[in-house]
C-alpha atoms as a PDB file:
ATOM      1  CA  MET A   1     -17.412 -35.462  55.891  1.00  0.00           C
ATOM      2  CA  ALA A   2     -17.999 -31.824  56.715  1.00  0.00           C
ATOM      3  CA  ALA A   3     -21.434 -30.912  58.049  1.00  0.00           C
ATOM      4  CA  ARG A   4     -23.577 -28.590  55.900  1.00  0.00           C
ATOM      5  CA  PRO A   5     -25.934 -26.385  57.901  1.00  0.00           C
ATOM      6  CA  PRO A   6     -28.773 -25.782  58.182  1.00  0.00           C
ATOM      7  CA  PHE A   7     -29.607 -29.136  59.707  1.00  0.00           C
ATOM      8  CA  PRO A   8     -32.869 -31.046  59.874  1.00  0.00           C
ATOM      9  CA  PRO A   9     -35.500 -30.974  61.097  1.00  0.00           C
ATOM     10  CA  PHE A  10     -36.238 -28.062  58.776  1.00  0.00           C
ATOM     11  CA  ASP A  11     -38.598 -25.180  59.387  1.00  0.00           C
ATOM     12  CA  GLU A  12     -39.646 -22.789  56.635  1.00  0.00           C
ATOM     13  CA  GLU A  13     -36.668 -20.471  57.136  1.00  0.00           C
ATOM     14  CA  THR A  14     -34.025 -23.220  57.171  1.00  0.00           C
ATOM     15  CA  ALA A  15     -35.641 -25.022  54.233  1.00  0.00           C
ATOM     16  CA  ARG A  16     -35.529 -21.803  52.191  1.00  0.00           C
ATOM     17  CA  ILE A  17     -31.866 -21.317  53.120  1.00  0.00           C
ATOM     18  CA  LYS A  18     -31.089 -24.881  51.985  1.00  0.00           C
ATOM     19  CA  VAL A  19     -32.892 -24.361  48.660  1.00  0.00           C
ATOM     20  CA  GLN A  20     -31.103 -21.074  47.939  1.00  0.00           C
ATOM     21  CA  ALA A  21     -27.749 -22.628  48.827  1.00  0.00           C
ATOM     22  CA  ALA A  22     -28.419 -25.436  46.336  1.00  0.00           C
ATOM     23  CA  GLU A  23     -29.407 -22.961  43.619  1.00  0.00           C
ATOM     24  CA  ASP A  24     -26.293 -20.883  44.239  1.00  0.00           C
ATOM     25  CA  ALA A  25     -24.018 -23.934  44.162  1.00  0.00           C
ATOM     26  CA  TRP A  26     -25.491 -25.355  40.932  1.00  0.00           C
ATOM     27  CA  ASN A  27     -25.192 -21.950  39.258  1.00  0.00           C
ATOM     28  CA  THR A  28     -21.412 -22.094  39.761  1.00  0.00           C
ATOM     29  CA  ARG A  29     -21.375 -25.061  37.331  1.00  0.00           C
ATOM     30  CA  ASP A  30     -18.516 -26.455  39.438  1.00  0.00           C
ATOM     31  CA  PRO A  31     -19.114 -30.216  39.811  1.00  0.00           C
ATOM     32  CA  GLU A  32     -16.597 -30.616  42.654  1.00  0.00           C
ATOM     33  CA  LYS A  33     -18.146 -27.787  44.666  1.00  0.00           C
ATOM     34  CA  VAL A  34     -21.694 -29.023  44.069  1.00  0.00           C
ATOM     35  CA  SER A  35     -20.784 -32.596  45.067  1.00  0.00           C
ATOM     36  CA  LEU A  36     -19.759 -31.506  48.576  1.00  0.00           C
ATOM     37  CA  ALA A  37     -23.418 -30.990  49.515  1.00  0.00           C
ATOM     38  CA  TYR A  38     -24.057 -34.737  49.096  1.00  0.00           C
ATOM     39  CA  THR A  39     -23.062 -37.752  51.164  1.00  0.00           C
ATOM     40  CA  GLU A  40     -20.238 -39.956  49.871  1.00  0.00           C
ATOM     41  CA  ASP A  41     -22.855 -42.590  48.989  1.00  0.00           C
ATOM     42  CA  SER A  42     -25.670 -40.268  47.896  1.00  0.00           C
ATOM     43  CA  VAL A  43     -28.141 -41.797  45.442  1.00  0.00           C
ATOM     44  CA  TRP A  44     -29.811 -39.884  42.639  1.00  0.00           C
ATOM     45  CA  ARG A  45     -32.424 -40.415  40.038  1.00  0.00           C
ATOM     46  CA  ASN A  46     -32.083 -37.696  37.431  1.00  0.00           C
ATOM     47  CA  ARG A  47     -34.562 -38.147  34.584  1.00  0.00           C
ATOM     48  CA  ASP A  48     -33.811 -41.726  33.482  1.00  0.00           C
ATOM     49  CA  ARG A  49     -30.315 -41.892  34.997  1.00  0.00           C
ATOM     50  CA  PHE A  50     -29.287 -43.352  38.322  1.00  0.00           C
ATOM     51  CA  VAL A  51     -26.154 -41.989  40.001  1.00  0.00           C
ATOM     52  CA  THR A  52     -24.514 -43.251  43.197  1.00  0.00           C
ATOM     53  CA  GLY A  53     -21.755 -41.532  45.154  1.00  0.00           C
ATOM     54  CA  ARG A  54     -19.801 -38.316  44.850  1.00  0.00           C
ATOM     55  CA  ALA A  55     -17.457 -39.543  42.111  1.00  0.00           C
ATOM     56  CA  GLU A  56     -20.432 -40.379  39.874  1.00  0.00           C
ATOM     57  CA  ILE A  57     -22.086 -37.064  40.794  1.00  0.00           C
ATOM     58  CA  VAL A  58     -18.968 -35.185  39.681  1.00  0.00           C
ATOM     59  CA  GLU A  59     -18.821 -37.159  36.420  1.00  0.00           C
ATOM     60  CA  PHE A  60     -22.554 -36.681  35.781  1.00  0.00           C
ATOM     61  CA  LEU A  61     -22.377 -32.904  36.364  1.00  0.00           C
ATOM     62  CA  THR A  62     -19.180 -32.539  34.324  1.00  0.00           C
ATOM     63  CA  GLN A  63     -20.889 -34.153  31.335  1.00  0.00           C
ATOM     64  CA  LYS A  64     -24.133 -32.222  31.945  1.00  0.00           C
ATOM     65  CA  TRP A  65     -22.436 -28.831  31.833  1.00  0.00           C
ATOM     66  CA  LYS A  66     -20.411 -29.758  28.749  1.00  0.00           C
ATOM     67  CA  ARG A  67     -23.745 -30.294  26.938  1.00  0.00           C
ATOM     68  CA  GLU A  68     -25.861 -27.649  28.675  1.00  0.00           C
ATOM     69  CA  LEU A  69     -24.038 -24.419  27.865  1.00  0.00           C
ATOM     70  CA  ASP A  70     -24.775 -21.099  29.626  1.00  0.00           C
ATOM     71  CA  TYR A  71     -26.773 -23.042  32.239  1.00  0.00           C
ATOM     72  CA  ALA A  72     -28.710 -20.830  34.687  1.00  0.00           C
ATOM     73  CA  LEU A  73     -31.079 -22.182  37.353  1.00  0.00           C
ATOM     74  CA  ARG A  74     -33.875 -21.053  39.659  1.00  0.00           C
ATOM     75  CA  LYS A  75     -35.187 -23.231  42.511  1.00  0.00           C
ATOM     76  CA  GLU A  76     -38.228 -22.652  44.686  1.00  0.00           C
ATOM     77  CA  LEU A  77     -39.232 -24.320  47.937  1.00  0.00           C
ATOM     78  CA  TRP A  78     -42.360 -26.393  47.445  1.00  0.00           C
ATOM     79  CA  ALA A  79     -42.679 -28.275  50.748  1.00  0.00           C
ATOM     80  CA  PHE A  80     -40.647 -29.566  53.692  1.00  0.00           C
ATOM     81  CA  HIS A  81     -41.038 -32.029  56.558  1.00  0.00           C
ATOM     82  CA  GLU A  82     -38.427 -33.067  59.101  1.00  0.00           C
ATOM     83  CA  ASN A  83     -35.383 -34.098  56.979  1.00  0.00           C
ATOM     84  CA  ARG A  84     -37.041 -33.790  53.555  1.00  0.00           C
ATOM     85  CA  ILE A  85     -37.476 -30.903  51.137  1.00  0.00           C
ATOM     86  CA  ALA A  86     -39.380 -30.743  47.848  1.00  0.00           C
ATOM     87  CA  VAL A  87     -38.477 -28.096  45.280  1.00  0.00           C
ATOM     88  CA  ARG A  88     -39.627 -27.069  41.853  1.00  0.00           C
ATOM     89  CA  PHE A  89     -37.153 -25.545  39.481  1.00  0.00           C
ATOM     90  CA  GLN A  90     -36.521 -24.121  36.048  1.00  0.00           C
ATOM     91  CA  TYR A  91     -33.284 -23.737  34.205  1.00  0.00           C
ATOM     92  CA  GLU A  92     -32.236 -22.532  30.814  1.00  0.00           C
ATOM     93  CA  CYS A  93     -29.305 -23.567  28.667  1.00  0.00           C
ATOM     94  CA  ARG A  94     -28.303 -23.941  25.052  1.00  0.00           C
ATOM     95  CA  ASP A  95     -26.764 -26.810  23.161  1.00  0.00           C
ATOM     96  CA  ALA A  96     -23.661 -26.664  20.944  1.00  0.00           C
ATOM     97  CA  ASP A  97     -25.855 -25.832  17.936  1.00  0.00           C
ATOM     98  CA  GLY A  98     -27.277 -22.768  19.694  1.00  0.00           C
ATOM     99  CA  GLN A  99     -30.754 -24.173  20.440  1.00  0.00           C
ATOM    100  CA  TRP A 100     -32.063 -22.805  23.754  1.00  0.00           C
ATOM    101  CA  TYR A 101     -34.096 -24.881  26.216  1.00  0.00           C
ATOM    102  CA  ARG A 102     -36.063 -24.200  29.361  1.00  0.00           C
ATOM    103  CA  SER A 103     -36.250 -27.232  31.605  1.00  0.00           C
ATOM    104  CA  TYR A 104     -38.955 -27.582  34.249  1.00  0.00           C
ATOM    105  CA  GLY A 105     -38.684 -30.011  37.115  1.00  0.00           C
ATOM    106  CA  ASN A 106     -39.402 -31.203  40.602  1.00  0.00           C
ATOM    107  CA  GLU A 107     -36.925 -32.627  43.074  1.00  0.00           C
ATOM    108  CA  LEU A 108     -37.318 -34.604  46.269  1.00  0.00           C
ATOM    109  CA  TRP A 109     -34.430 -34.325  48.713  1.00  0.00           C
ATOM    110  CA  GLU A 110     -33.599 -36.317  51.843  1.00  0.00           C
ATOM    111  CA  PHE A 111     -30.904 -35.169  54.280  1.00  0.00           C
ATOM    112  CA  THR A 112     -28.749 -36.709  56.980  1.00  0.00           C
ATOM    113  CA  SER A 113     -28.538 -35.173  60.446  1.00  0.00           C
ATOM    114  CA  GLU A 114     -25.281 -33.496  59.255  1.00  0.00           C
ATOM    115  CA  GLY A 115     -27.228 -31.574  56.588  1.00  0.00           C
ATOM    116  CA  LEU A 116     -25.829 -33.563  53.641  1.00  0.00           C
ATOM    117  CA  MET A 117     -28.182 -34.756  50.933  1.00  0.00           C
ATOM    118  CA  ALA A 118     -28.361 -38.554  50.893  1.00  0.00           C
ATOM    119  CA  ARG A 119     -31.050 -38.877  48.236  1.00  0.00           C
ATOM    120  CA  ARG A 120     -32.152 -36.749  45.271  1.00  0.00           C
ATOM    121  CA  GLU A 121     -34.920 -37.633  42.843  1.00  0.00           C
ATOM    122  CA  ALA A 122     -35.465 -35.305  39.882  1.00  0.00           C
ATOM    123  CA  SER A 123     -38.178 -35.349  37.230  1.00  0.00           C
ATOM    124  CA  ILE A 124     -37.450 -32.946  34.382  1.00  0.00           C
ATOM    125  CA  ASN A 125     -39.147 -31.871  31.136  1.00  0.00           C
ATOM    126  CA  ASP A 126     -37.505 -29.804  28.407  1.00  0.00           C
ATOM    127  CA  LEU A 127     -39.052 -27.138  26.212  1.00  0.00           C
ATOM    128  CA  LYS A 128     -37.318 -25.635  23.174  1.00  0.00           C
ATOM    129  CA  ILE A 129     -37.316 -21.839  23.351  1.00  0.00           C
ATOM    130  CA  SER A 130     -35.874 -19.079  21.226  1.00  0.00           C
ATOM    131  CA  GLU A 131     -33.087 -16.920  22.604  1.00  0.00           C
ATOM    132  CA  SER A 132     -35.568 -14.014  22.800  1.00  0.00           C
ATOM    133  CA  GLU A 133     -37.748 -16.073  25.209  1.00  0.00           C
ATOM    134  CA  ARG A 134     -34.975 -16.444  27.766  1.00  0.00           C
ATOM    135  CA  ARG A 135     -35.618 -15.052  31.228  1.00  0.00           C
ATOM    136  CA  ILE A 136     -32.989 -16.718  33.431  1.00  0.00           C
ATOM    137  CA  PHE A 137     -29.619 -15.019  33.228  1.00  0.00           C
ATOM    138  CA  GLY A 138     -26.891 -16.194  35.578  1.00  0.00           C
ATOM    139  CA  LYS A 139     -27.012 -16.163  39.352  1.00  0.00           C
ATOM    140  CA  ARG A 140     -30.166 -14.806  40.992  1.00  0.00           C
ATOM    141  CA  PRO A 141     -29.657 -11.282  42.388  1.00  0.00           C
ATOM    142  CA  ASP A 142     -29.817 -11.149  46.195  1.00  0.00           C
ATOM    143  CA  GLU A 143     -32.953  -8.992  46.122  1.00  0.00           C
ATOM    144  CA  GLU A 144     -34.783 -11.791  44.271  1.00  0.00           C
ATOM    145  CA  HIS A 145     -34.000 -14.545  46.794  1.00  0.00           C
ATOM    146  CA  GLY A 146     -37.250 -16.217  47.828  1.00  0.00           C
ATOM    147  CA  VAL A 147     -39.277 -14.554  45.071  1.00  0.00           C
ATOM    148  CA  PRO A 148     -41.440 -17.144  43.258  1.00  0.00           C
ATOM    149  CA  PHE A 149     -40.561 -17.696  39.637  1.00  0.00           C
ATOM    150  CA  PRO A 150     -43.377 -17.556  37.035  1.00  0.00           C
ATOM    151  CA  LEU A 151     -44.478 -20.800  35.444  1.00  0.00           C
ATOM    152  CA  GLN A 152     -44.297 -19.450  31.895  1.00  0.00           C
END
């Protein structure tokens, strides 16, 4: 397994780097690429689903991005301590019928000494929005890295 810097224990700068790297990876919507940030036996709770291991992560994300079209994500560092990071996030997507959603959530992450995520717990709530209410469009511009995202 390839190491993924930065490595724990995290300070504010390295935690922010880790969060931005995760946001950037998820915005590629490439399940294989995203899965490389996790250990081979990583465990997830995502809403009401439990996922274990990279193969299941790839399958989960493949199915997710088939349903969640035009997915675009923003993550923000909430807290960190030693090998753990907490983030809050928002993403927007539409379904096959054209209904747009904004999803709000919190994640708890735990990392190995090699910088790979061994555990991810995500709580997520969805809100129907109109296309005119959208505010997340693709990858975050570099000049907006680290800028807090508004709640509403």
